[in-house]
Structures are given as structure tokens and as C-alpha cells.
Amino acid sequence: MEQETAPPRRGYRLREIAGAYGIGLRTVQRAVADGELVAHRCGKVVLVTPADLAAWESTFQRVGGGGHHFFRQQAHGLGQGAT
């Protein structure tokens, strides 16, 4: 008996991206509106390709290490002069 393989994933819905990254849907929608995340509309569905998702992820700012004091900055208003 032949087993069918699923076709490769061609796109992700914005809600899926929000859930996978643990961020709000509105944050993802804002990234699309601001042009930071490329998305494509197919009817009523908005999709992001794996390549566009990877490109967006590569723009994320690194936190921690390298002398950054993220938690101290967070406690003092996200780095407004805190080290």
C-alpha cells in the first residue's frame, strides 16, 4: 500500500505565525502593514511563505549575551539609558 506524502508547506496564516512565535496576532498584522513581513492575499486568506517568514525572523533583534542587560533594561523602561 502506497503512503501519500503531504506536499511541502507553501504558506502560513498570520494566526499560525503568532502562535508559533508566542506573539500577538496584532503584532504580526502590524509587521505586515509596516512592510516588515511580506504577505500575500489569496481570496480572504493572508499567507506568508516560508522564505518570507525566515527573512522576517532574521531581522529579530538578539537579546542577551554580548554585554546586553535585557532584564535590567526591561525593569528600567526597556533600556532608556539603563545598563
C-alpha atoms as a PDB file:
ATOM      1  CA  MET A   1       0.000   0.000   0.000  1.00  0.00           C
ATOM      2  CA  GLU A   2       1.466   3.336  -1.058  1.00  0.00           C
ATOM      3  CA  GLN A   3       1.650   6.064   1.531  1.00  0.00           C
ATOM      4  CA  GLU A   4       0.800   9.569   0.385  1.00  0.00           C
ATOM      5  CA  THR A   5       3.201  12.253   1.454  1.00  0.00           C
ATOM      6  CA  ALA A   6       1.939  15.703   2.246  1.00  0.00           C
ATOM      7  CA  PRO A   7       3.030  18.432  -0.129  1.00  0.00           C
ATOM      8  CA  PRO A   8       5.582  20.848   1.311  1.00  0.00           C
ATOM      9  CA  ARG A   9       4.130  23.735   3.286  1.00  0.00           C
ATOM     10  CA  ARG A  10       3.633  26.682   0.912  1.00  0.00           C
ATOM     11  CA  GLY A  11       2.393  29.311   3.345  1.00  0.00           C
ATOM     12  CA  TYR A  12       1.351  30.146   6.889  1.00  0.00           C
ATOM     13  CA  ARG A  13      -1.620  32.137   8.117  1.00  0.00           C
ATOM     14  CA  LEU A  14      -0.914  35.099  10.354  1.00  0.00           C
ATOM     15  CA  ARG A  15      -2.598  33.432  13.323  1.00  0.00           C
ATOM     16  CA  GLU A  16      -0.334  30.382  12.891  1.00  0.00           C
ATOM     17  CA  ILE A  17       2.731  32.609  12.895  1.00  0.00           C
ATOM     18  CA  ALA A  18       1.589  34.413  16.038  1.00  0.00           C
ATOM     19  CA  GLY A  19       1.001  31.099  17.799  1.00  0.00           C
ATOM     20  CA  ALA A  20       4.286  29.567  16.686  1.00  0.00           C
ATOM     21  CA  TYR A  21       6.312  32.572  17.876  1.00  0.00           C
ATOM     22  CA  GLY A  22       4.254  33.184  21.012  1.00  0.00           C
ATOM     23  CA  ILE A  23       3.410  36.748  19.990  1.00  0.00           C
ATOM     24  CA  GLY A  24       0.139  38.541  19.447  1.00  0.00           C
ATOM     25  CA  LEU A  25      -1.757  38.367  16.183  1.00  0.00           C
ATOM     26  CA  ARG A  26      -1.830  42.170  16.126  1.00  0.00           C
ATOM     27  CA  THR A  27       1.992  42.227  16.269  1.00  0.00           C
ATOM     28  CA  VAL A  28       2.134  40.049  13.153  1.00  0.00           C
ATOM     29  CA  GLN A  29      -0.541  42.120  11.414  1.00  0.00           C
ATOM     30  CA  ARG A  30       1.425  45.287  12.221  1.00  0.00           C
ATOM     31  CA  ALA A  31       4.605  43.758  10.767  1.00  0.00           C
ATOM     32  CA  VAL A  32       2.709  43.102   7.527  1.00  0.00           C
ATOM     33  CA  ALA A  33       1.155  46.591   7.476  1.00  0.00           C
ATOM     34  CA  ASP A  34       4.579  48.177   8.095  1.00  0.00           C
ATOM     35  CA  GLY A  35       6.164  46.150   5.296  1.00  0.00           C
ATOM     36  CA  GLU A  36       8.470  44.277   7.678  1.00  0.00           C
ATOM     37  CA  LEU A  37       6.830  40.937   6.869  1.00  0.00           C
ATOM     38  CA  VAL A  38       5.862  40.148   3.279  1.00  0.00           C
ATOM     39  CA  ALA A  39       2.429  38.546   2.941  1.00  0.00           C
ATOM     40  CA  HIS A  40       0.213  37.502   0.042  1.00  0.00           C
ATOM     41  CA  ARG A  41      -3.568  37.531  -0.171  1.00  0.00           C
ATOM     42  CA  CYS A  42      -5.365  34.575  -1.690  1.00  0.00           C
ATOM     43  CA  GLY A  43      -9.051  35.388  -1.553  1.00  0.00           C
ATOM     44  CA  LYS A  44      -9.806  36.146   2.095  1.00  0.00           C
ATOM     45  CA  VAL A  45      -6.718  34.339   3.361  1.00  0.00           C
ATOM     46  CA  VAL A  46      -3.424  36.131   4.028  1.00  0.00           C
ATOM     47  CA  LEU A  47      -0.415  33.850   3.679  1.00  0.00           C
ATOM     48  CA  VAL A  48       3.299  34.211   4.365  1.00  0.00           C
ATOM     49  CA  THR A  49       5.724  31.951   2.519  1.00  0.00           C
ATOM     50  CA  PRO A  50       8.389  30.062   4.486  1.00  0.00           C
ATOM     51  CA  ALA A  51      11.088  32.161   2.757  1.00  0.00           C
ATOM     52  CA  ASP A  52       9.406  35.446   3.727  1.00  0.00           C
ATOM     53  CA  LEU A  53       8.930  34.186   7.276  1.00  0.00           C
ATOM     54  CA  ALA A  54      12.623  33.261   7.518  1.00  0.00           C
ATOM     55  CA  ALA A  55      13.619  36.684   6.150  1.00  0.00           C
ATOM     56  CA  TRP A  56      11.463  38.427   8.775  1.00  0.00           C
ATOM     57  CA  GLU A  57      12.841  36.242  11.551  1.00  0.00           C
ATOM     58  CA  SER A  58      16.390  37.146  10.520  1.00  0.00           C
ATOM     59  CA  THR A  59      15.599  40.780  11.387  1.00  0.00           C
ATOM     60  CA  PHE A  60      14.748  39.955  15.007  1.00  0.00           C
ATOM     61  CA  GLN A  61      16.984  41.688  17.482  1.00  0.00           C
ATOM     62  CA  ARG A  62      19.201  39.443  19.589  1.00  0.00           C
ATOM     63  CA  VAL A  63      18.563  39.625  23.327  1.00  0.00           C
ATOM     64  CA  GLY A  64      21.068  38.680  25.994  1.00  0.00           C
ATOM     65  CA  GLY A  65      24.762  37.943  25.801  1.00  0.00           C
ATOM     66  CA  GLY A  66      27.296  40.328  24.388  1.00  0.00           C
ATOM     67  CA  GLY A  67      27.057  42.668  27.355  1.00  0.00           C
ATOM     68  CA  HIS A  68      23.346  43.426  26.940  1.00  0.00           C
ATOM     69  CA  HIS A  69      21.460  43.564  30.215  1.00  0.00           C
ATOM     70  CA  PHE A  70      17.981  42.837  28.944  1.00  0.00           C
ATOM     71  CA  PHE A  71      16.269  42.119  32.238  1.00  0.00           C
ATOM     72  CA  ARG A  72      17.759  45.153  33.963  1.00  0.00           C
ATOM     73  CA  GLN A  73      16.784  47.302  30.975  1.00  0.00           C
ATOM     74  CA  GLN A  74      13.294  45.876  30.993  1.00  0.00           C
ATOM     75  CA  ALA A  75      12.880  46.787  34.654  1.00  0.00           C
ATOM     76  CA  HIS A  76      14.044  50.355  33.915  1.00  0.00           C
ATOM     77  CA  GLY A  77      11.833  51.056  30.920  1.00  0.00           C
ATOM     78  CA  LEU A  78      13.395  48.960  28.153  1.00  0.00           C
ATOM     79  CA  GLY A  79      16.832  50.448  28.033  1.00  0.00           C
ATOM     80  CA  GLN A  80      16.188  54.125  28.337  1.00  0.00           C
ATOM     81  CA  GLY A  81      19.762  54.751  29.477  1.00  0.00           C
ATOM     82  CA  ALA A  82      19.926  51.693  31.766  1.00  0.00           C
ATOM     83  CA  THR A  83      22.870  49.310  31.575  1.00  0.00           C
END
